[in-house]
Amino acid sequence: MKVKATESCIDLIELLKSKHGELMFHQSGGCCDGSSPMCYPLGEFKVGGQDVLVGEIAGCPFYMGKAQHKLWQNTDLTIDVVDGRGASFSLEIPEGKRFIVRSEICSI
């Protein structure tokens, strides 16, 4: 699994860093906020033994739950941004943007 970000995503991350400091991402498992990447100030979302660090985007750690990682382990993820209302707890909401994940199966 690889995680990367589009240029527009990186631009938004840099804007959010200027307002909130260092950031982290956690891939939502689909319960309340669909399967959107959630952006938090670094350390605000408590990761634990059931979370996996899958990479970094724009210098920010990107985590997901172990069960989801097992399902997505052969998938490359591209984090992008679109106009619209973001997830309820993610930092991009006031910017009128939302992070999304685009996926493609890895070649083995």
PDB file of N, CA and C in Angstrom:
ATOM      1  N   MET A   1       0.847  -1.181   0.000  1.00  0.00           N
ATOM      2  CA  MET A   1       0.000   0.000   0.000  1.00  0.00           C
ATOM      3  C   MET A   1       0.887   1.237   0.000  1.00  0.00           C
ATOM      4  N   LYS A   2       0.523   2.169  -0.871  1.00  0.00           N
ATOM      5  CA  LYS A   2       1.171   3.475  -0.888  1.00  0.00           C
ATOM      6  C   LYS A   2       0.099   4.535  -0.691  1.00  0.00           C
ATOM      7  N   VAL A   3       0.467   5.610  -0.007  1.00  0.00           N
ATOM      8  CA  VAL A   3      -0.428   6.748   0.171  1.00  0.00           C
ATOM      9  C   VAL A   3       0.273   7.968  -0.395  1.00  0.00           C
ATOM     10  N   LYS A   4      -0.430   8.696  -1.261  1.00  0.00           N
ATOM     11  CA  LYS A   4       0.126   9.935  -1.803  1.00  0.00           C
ATOM     12  C   LYS A   4      -0.982  10.974  -1.844  1.00  0.00           C
ATOM     13  N   ALA A   5      -0.603  12.220  -2.107  1.00  0.00           N
ATOM     14  CA  ALA A   5      -1.560  13.321  -2.126  1.00  0.00           C
ATOM     15  C   ALA A   5      -1.433  14.100  -3.425  1.00  0.00           C
ATOM     16  N   THR A   6      -2.557  14.635  -3.891  1.00  0.00           N
ATOM     17  CA  THR A   6      -2.542  15.506  -5.059  1.00  0.00           C
ATOM     18  C   THR A   6      -1.980  16.873  -4.660  1.00  0.00           C
ATOM     19  N   GLU A   7      -1.628  17.674  -5.653  1.00  0.00           N
ATOM     20  CA  GLU A   7      -1.115  19.024  -5.370  1.00  0.00           C
ATOM     21  C   GLU A   7      -2.156  19.869  -4.643  1.00  0.00           C
ATOM     22  N   SER A   8      -3.425  19.780  -5.048  1.00  0.00           N
ATOM     23  CA  SER A   8      -4.458  20.567  -4.368  1.00  0.00           C
ATOM     24  C   SER A   8      -4.636  20.114  -2.921  1.00  0.00           C
ATOM     25  N   CYS A   9      -4.452  18.841  -2.670  1.00  0.00           N
ATOM     26  CA  CYS A   9      -4.506  18.321  -1.302  1.00  0.00           C
ATOM     27  C   CYS A   9      -3.347  18.876  -0.478  1.00  0.00           C
ATOM     28  N   ILE A  10      -2.154  18.858  -1.053  1.00  0.00           N
ATOM     29  CA  ILE A  10      -0.977  19.382  -0.351  1.00  0.00           C
ATOM     30  C   ILE A  10      -1.162  20.867  -0.046  1.00  0.00           C
ATOM     31  N   ASP A  11      -1.708  21.623  -0.993  1.00  0.00           N
ATOM     32  CA  ASP A  11      -1.955  23.053  -0.761  1.00  0.00           C
ATOM     33  C   ASP A  11      -2.898  23.259   0.417  1.00  0.00           C
ATOM     34  N   LEU A  12      -3.968  22.466   0.489  1.00  0.00           N
ATOM     35  CA  LEU A  12      -4.911  22.594   1.599  1.00  0.00           C
ATOM     36  C   LEU A  12      -4.257  22.183   2.912  1.00  0.00           C
ATOM     37  N   ILE A  13      -3.469  21.134   2.900  1.00  0.00           N
ATOM     38  CA  ILE A  13      -2.766  20.714   4.116  1.00  0.00           C
ATOM     39  C   ILE A  13      -1.858  21.836   4.612  1.00  0.00           C
ATOM     40  N   GLU A  14      -1.129  22.478   3.712  1.00  0.00           N
ATOM     41  CA  GLU A  14      -0.238  23.575   4.116  1.00  0.00           C
ATOM     42  C   GLU A  14      -1.033  24.731   4.717  1.00  0.00           C
ATOM     43  N   LEU A  15      -2.194  25.051   4.143  1.00  0.00           N
ATOM     44  CA  LEU A  15      -3.052  26.090   4.710  1.00  0.00           C
ATOM     45  C   LEU A  15      -3.502  25.698   6.113  1.00  0.00           C
ATOM     46  N   LEU A  16      -3.938  24.453   6.269  1.00  0.00           N
ATOM     47  CA  LEU A  16      -4.393  23.987   7.584  1.00  0.00           C
ATOM     48  C   LEU A  16      -3.259  23.968   8.599  1.00  0.00           C
ATOM     49  N   LYS A  17      -2.052  23.612   8.166  1.00  0.00           N
ATOM     50  CA  LYS A  17      -0.893  23.649   9.073  1.00  0.00           C
ATOM     51  C   LYS A  17      -0.638  25.068   9.558  1.00  0.00           C
ATOM     52  N   SER A  18      -0.806  26.053   8.669  1.00  0.00           N
ATOM     53  CA  SER A  18      -0.562  27.447   9.064  1.00  0.00           C
ATOM     54  C   SER A  18      -1.562  27.911  10.121  1.00  0.00           C
ATOM     55  N   LYS A  19      -2.728  27.300  10.154  1.00  0.00           N
ATOM     56  CA  LYS A  19      -3.766  27.674  11.118  1.00  0.00           C
ATOM     57  C   LYS A  19      -3.762  26.821  12.381  1.00  0.00           C
ATOM     58  N   HIS A  20      -3.379  25.535  12.250  1.00  0.00           N
ATOM     59  CA  HIS A  20      -3.556  24.588  13.358  1.00  0.00           C
ATOM     60  C   HIS A  20      -2.270  23.920  13.832  1.00  0.00           C
ATOM     61  N   GLY A  21      -1.149  24.185  13.171  1.00  0.00           N
ATOM     62  CA  GLY A  21       0.096  23.504  13.528  1.00  0.00           C
ATOM     63  C   GLY A  21       0.190  22.149  12.840  1.00  0.00           C
ATOM     64  N   GLU A  22       1.000  21.267  13.397  1.00  0.00           N
ATOM     65  CA  GLU A  22       1.214  19.946  12.792  1.00  0.00           C
ATOM     66  C   GLU A  22      -0.091  19.149  12.782  1.00  0.00           C
ATOM     67  N   LEU A  23      -0.241  18.330  11.748  1.00  0.00           N
ATOM     68  CA  LEU A  23      -1.492  17.604  11.532  1.00  0.00           C
ATOM     69  C   LEU A  23      -1.267  16.105  11.433  1.00  0.00           C
ATOM     70  N   MET A  24      -2.356  15.370  11.508  1.00  0.00           N
ATOM     71  CA  MET A  24      -2.364  13.925  11.290  1.00  0.00           C
ATOM     72  C   MET A  24      -3.667  13.564  10.582  1.00  0.00           C
ATOM     73  N   PHE A  25      -3.672  12.401   9.939  1.00  0.00           N
ATOM     74  CA  PHE A  25      -4.863  11.903   9.266  1.00  0.00           C
ATOM     75  C   PHE A  25      -5.198  10.512   9.780  1.00  0.00           C
ATOM     76  N   HIS A  26      -6.496  10.226   9.820  1.00  0.00           N
ATOM     77  CA  HIS A  26      -6.975   8.879  10.102  1.00  0.00           C
ATOM     78  C   HIS A  26      -8.067   8.574   9.095  1.00  0.00           C
ATOM     79  N   GLN A  27      -7.929   7.457   8.403  1.00  0.00           N
ATOM     80  CA  GLN A  27      -8.927   7.052   7.412  1.00  0.00           C
ATOM     81  C   GLN A  27     -10.156   6.526   8.132  1.00  0.00           C
ATOM     82  N   SER A  28     -11.265   7.222   7.975  1.00  0.00           N
ATOM     83  CA  SER A  28     -12.509   6.805   8.611  1.00  0.00           C
ATOM     84  C   SER A  28     -12.924   5.430   8.099  1.00  0.00           C
ATOM     85  N   GLY A  29     -13.445   4.623   8.994  1.00  0.00           N
ATOM     86  CA  GLY A  29     -13.874   3.279   8.630  1.00  0.00           C
ATOM     87  C   GLY A  29     -15.273   3.200   8.059  1.00  0.00           C
ATOM     88  N   GLY A  30     -15.965   4.319   7.938  1.00  0.00           N
ATOM     89  CA  GLY A  30     -17.258   4.320   7.285  1.00  0.00           C
ATOM     90  C   GLY A  30     -18.458   4.416   8.201  1.00  0.00           C
ATOM     91  N   CYS A  31     -18.264   4.483   9.499  1.00  0.00           N
ATOM     92  CA  CYS A  31     -19.390   4.512  10.430  1.00  0.00           C
ATOM     93  C   CYS A  31     -20.198   5.803  10.318  1.00  0.00           C
ATOM     94  N   CYS A  32     -19.612   6.903  10.709  1.00  0.00           N
ATOM     95  CA  CYS A  32     -20.349   8.169  10.784  1.00  0.00           C
ATOM     96  C   CYS A  32     -20.022   9.124   9.651  1.00  0.00           C
ATOM     97  N   ASP A  33     -18.827   9.081   9.153  1.00  0.00           N
ATOM     98  CA  ASP A  33     -18.389  10.039   8.144  1.00  0.00           C
ATOM     99  C   ASP A  33     -18.017   9.362   6.839  1.00  0.00           C
ATOM    100  N   GLY A  34     -18.710   8.306   6.496  1.00  0.00           N
ATOM    101  CA  GLY A  34     -18.384   7.595   5.267  1.00  0.00           C
ATOM    102  C   GLY A  34     -16.994   7.004   5.369  1.00  0.00           C
ATOM    103  N   SER A  35     -16.260   7.075   4.313  1.00  0.00           N
ATOM    104  CA  SER A  35     -14.879   6.580   4.363  1.00  0.00           C
ATOM    105  C   SER A  35     -13.932   7.711   3.990  1.00  0.00           C
ATOM    106  N   SER A  36     -14.156   8.865   4.582  1.00  0.00           N
ATOM    107  CA  SER A  36     -13.342  10.049   4.310  1.00  0.00           C
ATOM    108  C   SER A  36     -12.088  10.062   5.166  1.00  0.00           C
ATOM    109  N   PRO A  37     -10.985  10.567   4.606  1.00  0.00           N
ATOM    110  CA  PRO A  37      -9.816  10.819   5.446  1.00  0.00           C
ATOM    111  C   PRO A  37     -10.149  11.960   6.410  1.00  0.00           C
ATOM    112  N   MET A  38      -9.875  11.767   7.662  1.00  0.00           N
ATOM    113  CA  MET A  38     -10.155  12.770   8.685  1.00  0.00           C
ATOM    114  C   MET A  38      -8.852  13.445   9.089  1.00  0.00           C
ATOM    115  N   CYS A  39      -8.860  14.774   9.140  1.00  0.00           N
ATOM    116  CA  CYS A  39      -7.675  15.562   9.472  1.00  0.00           C
ATOM    117  C   CYS A  39      -7.837  16.168  10.864  1.00  0.00           C
ATOM    118  N   TYR A  40      -6.814  15.985  11.705  1.00  0.00           N
ATOM    119  CA  TYR A  40      -6.831  16.468  13.084  1.00  0.00           C
ATOM    120  C   TYR A  40      -5.504  17.142  13.417  1.00  0.00           C
ATOM    121  N   PRO A  41      -5.492  18.019  14.439  1.00  0.00           N
ATOM    122  CA  PRO A  41      -4.194  18.458  14.957  1.00  0.00           C
ATOM    123  C   PRO A  41      -3.424  17.224  15.445  1.00  0.00           C
ATOM    124  N   LEU A  42      -2.127  17.218  15.221  1.00  0.00           N
ATOM    125  CA  LEU A  42      -1.299  16.073  15.601  1.00  0.00           C
ATOM    126  C   LEU A  42      -1.514  15.721  17.066  1.00  0.00           C
ATOM    127  N   GLY A  43      -1.862  14.461  17.326  1.00  0.00           N
ATOM    128  CA  GLY A  43      -2.061  13.975  18.686  1.00  0.00           C
ATOM    129  C   GLY A  43      -3.480  14.109  19.204  1.00  0.00           C
ATOM    130  N   GLU A  44      -4.350  14.841  18.501  1.00  0.00           N
ATOM    131  CA  GLU A  44      -5.721  15.005  18.989  1.00  0.00           C
ATOM    132  C   GLU A  44      -6.539  13.724  18.837  1.00  0.00           C
ATOM    133  N   PHE A  45      -6.294  12.976  17.767  1.00  0.00           N
ATOM    134  CA  PHE A  45      -6.946  11.679  17.595  1.00  0.00           C
ATOM    135  C   PHE A  45      -6.020  10.635  18.209  1.00  0.00           C
ATOM    136  N   LYS A  46      -6.514   9.903  19.163  1.00  0.00           N
ATOM    137  CA  LYS A  46      -5.685   8.926  19.868  1.00  0.00           C
ATOM    138  C   LYS A  46      -5.598   7.625  19.083  1.00  0.00           C
ATOM    139  N   VAL A  47      -4.413   7.351  18.543  1.00  0.00           N
ATOM    140  CA  VAL A  47      -4.203   6.079  17.859  1.00  0.00           C
ATOM    141  C   VAL A  47      -3.758   5.049  18.888  1.00  0.00           C
ATOM    142  N   GLY A  48      -4.048   3.792  18.590  1.00  0.00           N
ATOM    143  CA  GLY A  48      -3.702   2.734  19.525  1.00  0.00           C
ATOM    144  C   GLY A  48      -3.274   1.480  18.810  1.00  0.00           C
ATOM    145  N   GLY A  49      -3.350   0.374  19.503  1.00  0.00           N
ATOM    146  CA  GLY A  49      -2.905  -0.908  18.987  1.00  0.00           C
ATOM    147  C   GLY A  49      -3.709  -1.422  17.807  1.00  0.00           C
ATOM    148  N   GLN A  50      -4.882  -0.869  17.581  1.00  0.00           N
ATOM    149  CA  GLN A  50      -5.711  -1.294  16.452  1.00  0.00           C
ATOM    150  C   GLN A  50      -5.571  -0.370  15.240  1.00  0.00           C
ATOM    151  N   ASP A  51      -4.587   0.538  15.285  1.00  0.00           N
ATOM    152  CA  ASP A  51      -4.334   1.455  14.177  1.00  0.00           C
ATOM    153  C   ASP A  51      -2.983   1.159  13.553  1.00  0.00           C
ATOM    154  N   VAL A  52      -2.886   1.410  12.244  1.00  0.00           N
ATOM    155  CA  VAL A  52      -1.663   1.157  11.484  1.00  0.00           C
ATOM    156  C   VAL A  52      -1.237   2.459  10.815  1.00  0.00           C
ATOM    157  N   LEU A  53       0.031   2.825  10.963  1.00  0.00           N
ATOM    158  CA  LEU A  53       0.592   3.954  10.225  1.00  0.00           C
ATOM    159  C   LEU A  53       0.894   3.451   8.820  1.00  0.00           C
ATOM    160  N   VAL A  54       0.189   3.973   7.819  1.00  0.00           N
ATOM    161  CA  VAL A  54       0.359   3.470   6.454  1.00  0.00           C
ATOM    162  C   VAL A  54       1.216   4.381   5.588  1.00  0.00           C
ATOM    163  N   GLY A  55       1.560   5.552   6.087  1.00  0.00           N
ATOM    164  CA  GLY A  55       2.411   6.459   5.323  1.00  0.00           C
ATOM    165  C   GLY A  55       2.268   7.882   5.810  1.00  0.00           C
ATOM    166  N   GLU A  56       2.787   8.795   4.997  1.00  0.00           N
ATOM    167  CA  GLU A  56       2.698  10.221   5.289  1.00  0.00           C
ATOM    168  C   GLU A  56       2.262  10.954   4.038  1.00  0.00           C
ATOM    169  N   ILE A  57       1.499  12.028   4.228  1.00  0.00           N
ATOM    170  CA  ILE A  57       1.201  12.942   3.130  1.00  0.00           C
ATOM    171  C   ILE A  57       1.549  14.347   3.597  1.00  0.00           C
ATOM    172  N   ALA A  58       2.344  15.040   2.801  1.00  0.00           N
ATOM    173  CA  ALA A  58       2.787  16.401   3.125  1.00  0.00           C
ATOM    174  C   ALA A  58       3.376  16.466   4.536  1.00  0.00           C
ATOM    175  N   GLY A  59       4.103  15.423   4.932  1.00  0.00           N
ATOM    176  CA  GLY A  59       4.738  15.392   6.243  1.00  0.00           C
ATOM    177  C   GLY A  59       3.818  15.045   7.393  1.00  0.00           C
ATOM    178  N   CYS A  60       2.592  14.635   7.098  1.00  0.00           N
ATOM    179  CA  CYS A  60       1.612  14.304   8.136  1.00  0.00           C
ATOM    180  C   CYS A  60       1.392  12.796   8.174  1.00  0.00           C
ATOM    181  N   PRO A  61       1.445  12.181   9.356  1.00  0.00           N
ATOM    182  CA  PRO A  61       1.186  10.744   9.440  1.00  0.00           C
ATOM    183  C   PRO A  61      -0.247  10.419   9.024  1.00  0.00           C
ATOM    184  N   PHE A  62      -0.397   9.270   8.353  1.00  0.00           N
ATOM    185  CA  PHE A  62      -1.699   8.820   7.857  1.00  0.00           C
ATOM    186  C   PHE A  62      -1.950   7.416   8.400  1.00  0.00           C
ATOM    187  N   TYR A  63      -2.992   7.276   9.217  1.00  0.00           N
ATOM    188  CA  TYR A  63      -3.328   6.021   9.890  1.00  0.00           C
ATOM    189  C   TYR A  63      -4.649   5.462   9.379  1.00  0.00           C
ATOM    190  N   MET A  64      -4.821   4.176   9.596  1.00  0.00           N
ATOM    191  CA  MET A  64      -6.129   3.540   9.437  1.00  0.00           C
ATOM    192  C   MET A  64      -6.195   2.354  10.391  1.00  0.00           C
ATOM    193  N   GLY A  65      -7.402   1.902  10.662  1.00  0.00           N
ATOM    194  CA  GLY A  65      -7.590   0.755  11.537  1.00  0.00           C
ATOM    195  C   GLY A  65      -7.030  -0.517  10.917  1.00  0.00           C
ATOM    196  N   LYS A  66      -6.590  -1.449  11.778  1.00  0.00           N
ATOM    197  CA  LYS A  66      -6.008  -2.716  11.302  1.00  0.00           C
ATOM    198  C   LYS A  66      -6.958  -3.502  10.405  1.00  0.00           C
ATOM    199  N   ALA A  67      -8.226  -3.578  10.784  1.00  0.00           N
ATOM    200  CA  ALA A  67      -9.188  -4.353   9.992  1.00  0.00           C
ATOM    201  C   ALA A  67      -9.343  -3.757   8.595  1.00  0.00           C
ATOM    202  N   GLN A  68      -9.411  -2.441   8.517  1.00  0.00           N
ATOM    203  CA  GLN A  68      -9.529  -1.787   7.215  1.00  0.00           C
ATOM    204  C   GLN A  68      -8.239  -1.949   6.415  1.00  0.00           C
ATOM    205  N   HIS A  69      -7.104  -1.844   7.091  1.00  0.00           N
ATOM    206  CA  HIS A  69      -5.818  -2.021   6.420  1.00  0.00           C
ATOM    207  C   HIS A  69      -5.725  -3.419   5.804  1.00  0.00           C
ATOM    208  N   LYS A  70      -6.205  -4.408   6.515  1.00  0.00           N
ATOM    209  CA  LYS A  70      -6.169  -5.775   5.984  1.00  0.00           C
ATOM    210  C   LYS A  70      -6.958  -5.866   4.675  1.00  0.00           C
ATOM    211  N   LEU A  71      -8.090  -5.175   4.605  1.00  0.00           N
ATOM    212  CA  LEU A  71      -8.909  -5.184   3.389  1.00  0.00           C
ATOM    213  C   LEU A  71      -8.283  -4.366   2.261  1.00  0.00           C
ATOM    214  N   TRP A  72      -7.568  -3.296   2.605  1.00  0.00           N
ATOM    215  CA  TRP A  72      -7.031  -2.365   1.616  1.00  0.00           C
ATOM    216  C   TRP A  72      -5.539  -2.545   1.370  1.00  0.00           C
ATOM    217  N   GLN A  73      -4.907  -3.553   1.941  1.00  0.00           N
ATOM    218  CA  GLN A  73      -3.445  -3.655   1.900  1.00  0.00           C
ATOM    219  C   GLN A  73      -2.861  -3.724   0.494  1.00  0.00           C
ATOM    220  N   ASN A  74      -3.624  -4.157  -0.484  1.00  0.00           N
ATOM    221  CA  ASN A  74      -3.142  -4.223  -1.864  1.00  0.00           C
ATOM    222  C   ASN A  74      -3.671  -3.072  -2.712  1.00  0.00           C
ATOM    223  N   THR A  75      -3.999  -1.977  -2.053  1.00  0.00           N
ATOM    224  CA  THR A  75      -4.581  -0.815  -2.714  1.00  0.00           C
ATOM    225  C   THR A  75      -3.685   0.399  -2.508  1.00  0.00           C
ATOM    226  N   ASP A  76      -3.427   1.136  -3.587  1.00  0.00           N
ATOM    227  CA  ASP A  76      -2.733   2.417  -3.471  1.00  0.00           C
ATOM    228  C   ASP A  76      -3.781   3.504  -3.287  1.00  0.00           C
ATOM    229  N   LEU A  77      -3.504   4.437  -2.383  1.00  0.00           N
ATOM    230  CA  LEU A  77      -4.451   5.502  -2.078  1.00  0.00           C
ATOM    231  C   LEU A  77      -3.894   6.848  -2.521  1.00  0.00           C
ATOM    232  N   THR A  78      -4.732   7.647  -3.146  1.00  0.00           N
ATOM    233  CA  THR A  78      -4.404   9.033  -3.460  1.00  0.00           C
ATOM    234  C   THR A  78      -5.402   9.898  -2.712  1.00  0.00           C
ATOM    235  N   ILE A  79      -4.885  10.764  -1.848  1.00  0.00           N
ATOM    236  CA  ILE A  79      -5.748  11.661  -1.097  1.00  0.00           C
ATOM    237  C   ILE A  79      -5.901  12.935  -1.920  1.00  0.00           C
ATOM    238  N   ASP A  80      -7.147  13.332  -2.123  1.00  0.00           N
ATOM    239  CA  ASP A  80      -7.468  14.489  -2.951  1.00  0.00           C
ATOM    240  C   ASP A  80      -8.411  15.389  -2.162  1.00  0.00           C
ATOM    241  N   VAL A  81      -8.759  16.511  -2.740  1.00  0.00           N
ATOM    242  CA  VAL A  81      -9.674  17.446  -2.095  1.00  0.00           C
ATOM    243  C   VAL A  81     -10.684  17.923  -3.139  1.00  0.00           C
ATOM    244  N   VAL A  82     -11.927  18.076  -2.695  1.00  0.00           N
ATOM    245  CA  VAL A  82     -12.990  18.583  -3.559  1.00  0.00           C
ATOM    246  C   VAL A  82     -13.767  19.652  -2.792  1.00  0.00           C
ATOM    247  N   ASP A  83     -14.492  20.482  -3.526  1.00  0.00           N
ATOM    248  CA  ASP A  83     -15.368  21.454  -2.885  1.00  0.00           C
ATOM    249  C   ASP A  83     -16.528  20.724  -2.231  1.00  0.00           C
ATOM    250  N   GLY A  84     -16.959  21.234  -1.094  1.00  0.00           N
ATOM    251  CA  GLY A  84     -18.112  20.639  -0.426  1.00  0.00           C
ATOM    252  C   GLY A  84     -17.904  20.548   1.065  1.00  0.00           C
ATOM    253  N   ARG A  85     -18.929  20.132   1.743  1.00  0.00           N
ATOM    254  CA  ARG A  85     -18.883  20.019   3.200  1.00  0.00           C
ATOM    255  C   ARG A  85     -18.120  18.765   3.585  1.00  0.00           C
ATOM    256  N   GLY A  86     -17.131  18.952   4.432  1.00  0.00           N
ATOM    257  CA  GLY A  86     -16.322  17.835   4.896  1.00  0.00           C
ATOM    258  C   GLY A  86     -16.956  17.113   6.061  1.00  0.00           C
ATOM    259  N   ALA A  87     -16.224  16.156   6.588  1.00  0.00           N
ATOM    260  CA  ALA A  87     -16.680  15.368   7.726  1.00  0.00           C
ATOM    261  C   ALA A  87     -16.786  16.256   8.965  1.00  0.00           C
ATOM    262  N   SER A  88     -17.661  15.896   9.850  1.00  0.00           N
ATOM    263  CA  SER A  88     -18.009  16.765  10.972  1.00  0.00           C
ATOM    264  C   SER A  88     -16.859  17.145  11.894  1.00  0.00           C
ATOM    265  N   PHE A  89     -15.837  16.313  12.035  1.00  0.00           N
ATOM    266  CA  PHE A  89     -14.753  16.625  12.959  1.00  0.00           C
ATOM    267  C   PHE A  89     -13.437  16.939  12.264  1.00  0.00           C
ATOM    268  N   SER A  90     -13.425  16.954  10.953  1.00  0.00           N
ATOM    269  CA  SER A  90     -12.191  17.154  10.206  1.00  0.00           C
ATOM    270  C   SER A  90     -11.930  18.647   9.999  1.00  0.00           C
ATOM    271  N   LEU A  91     -10.660  19.048  10.046  1.00  0.00           N
ATOM    272  CA  LEU A  91     -10.285  20.459  10.062  1.00  0.00           C
ATOM    273  C   LEU A  91     -10.576  21.237   8.786  1.00  0.00           C
ATOM    274  N   GLU A  92     -10.825  20.576   7.676  1.00  0.00           N
ATOM    275  CA  GLU A  92     -11.023  21.305   6.422  1.00  0.00           C
ATOM    276  C   GLU A  92     -12.425  21.890   6.255  1.00  0.00           C
ATOM    277  N   ILE A  93     -13.359  21.549   7.117  1.00  0.00           N
ATOM    278  CA  ILE A  93     -14.750  21.992   6.975  1.00  0.00           C
ATOM    279  C   ILE A  93     -14.877  23.503   6.777  1.00  0.00           C
ATOM    280  N   PRO A  94     -14.269  24.336   7.633  1.00  0.00           N
ATOM    281  CA  PRO A  94     -14.450  25.787   7.466  1.00  0.00           C
ATOM    282  C   PRO A  94     -13.914  26.332   6.140  1.00  0.00           C
ATOM    283  N   GLU A  95     -13.091  25.567   5.464  1.00  0.00           N
ATOM    284  CA  GLU A  95     -12.526  26.007   4.183  1.00  0.00           C
ATOM    285  C   GLU A  95     -13.467  25.704   3.014  1.00  0.00           C
ATOM    286  N   GLY A  96     -14.595  25.032   3.279  1.00  0.00           N
ATOM    287  CA  GLY A  96     -15.525  24.675   2.208  1.00  0.00           C
ATOM    288  C   GLY A  96     -15.000  23.553   1.326  1.00  0.00           C
ATOM    289  N   LYS A  97     -14.108  22.747   1.881  1.00  0.00           N
ATOM    290  CA  LYS A  97     -13.473  21.640   1.155  1.00  0.00           C
ATOM    291  C   LYS A  97     -13.683  20.358   1.932  1.00  0.00           C
ATOM    292  N   ARG A  98     -13.426  19.243   1.245  1.00  0.00           N
ATOM    293  CA  ARG A  98     -13.408  17.957   1.950  1.00  0.00           C
ATOM    294  C   ARG A  98     -12.351  17.069   1.324  1.00  0.00           C
ATOM    295  N   PHE A  99     -11.678  16.319   2.174  1.00  0.00           N
ATOM    296  CA  PHE A  99     -10.701  15.342   1.706  1.00  0.00           C
ATOM    297  C   PHE A  99     -11.445  14.102   1.230  1.00  0.00           C
ATOM    298  N   ILE A 100     -10.949  13.507   0.161  1.00  0.00           N
ATOM    299  CA  ILE A 100     -11.502  12.247  -0.334  1.00  0.00           C
ATOM    300  C   ILE A 100     -10.344  11.300  -0.634  1.00  0.00           C
ATOM    301  N   VAL A 101     -10.653  10.027  -0.701  1.00  0.00           N
ATOM    302  CA  VAL A 101      -9.640   9.031  -1.057  1.00  0.00           C
ATOM    303  C   VAL A 101     -10.016   8.432  -2.410  1.00  0.00           C
ATOM    304  N   ARG A 102      -9.027   8.361  -3.267  1.00  0.00           N
ATOM    305  CA  ARG A 102      -9.178   7.673  -4.551  1.00  0.00           C
ATOM    306  C   ARG A 102      -8.277   6.449  -4.457  1.00  0.00           C
ATOM    307  N   SER A 103      -8.753   5.329  -4.944  1.00  0.00           N
ATOM    308  CA  SER A 103      -7.977   4.103  -4.765  1.00  0.00           C
ATOM    309  C   SER A 103      -7.783   3.379  -6.079  1.00  0.00           C
ATOM    310  N   GLU A 104      -6.704   2.612  -6.104  1.00  0.00           N
ATOM    311  CA  GLU A 104      -6.455   1.740  -7.247  1.00  0.00           C
ATOM    312  C   GLU A 104      -5.727   0.508  -6.750  1.00  0.00           C
ATOM    313  N   ILE A 105      -6.071  -0.626  -7.314  1.00  0.00           N
ATOM    314  CA  ILE A 105      -5.464  -1.896  -6.917  1.00  0.00           C
ATOM    315  C   ILE A 105      -3.996  -1.894  -7.322  1.00  0.00           C
ATOM    316  N   CYS A 106      -3.130  -2.306  -6.397  1.00  0.00           N
ATOM    317  CA  CYS A 106      -1.691  -2.400  -6.672  1.00  0.00           C
ATOM    318  C   CYS A 106      -1.427  -3.537  -7.644  1.00  0.00           C
ATOM    319  N   SER A 107      -0.445  -3.340  -8.503  1.00  0.00           N
ATOM    320  CA  SER A 107       0.011  -4.448  -9.354  1.00  0.00           C
ATOM    321  C   SER A 107       0.965  -5.294  -8.536  1.00  0.00           C
ATOM    322  N   ILE A 108       0.758  -6.582  -8.568  1.00  0.00           N
ATOM    323  CA  ILE A 108       1.638  -7.476  -7.801  1.00  0.00           C
ATOM    324  C   ILE A 108       2.424  -8.321  -8.763  1.00  0.00           C
TER     325      ILE A 108
END
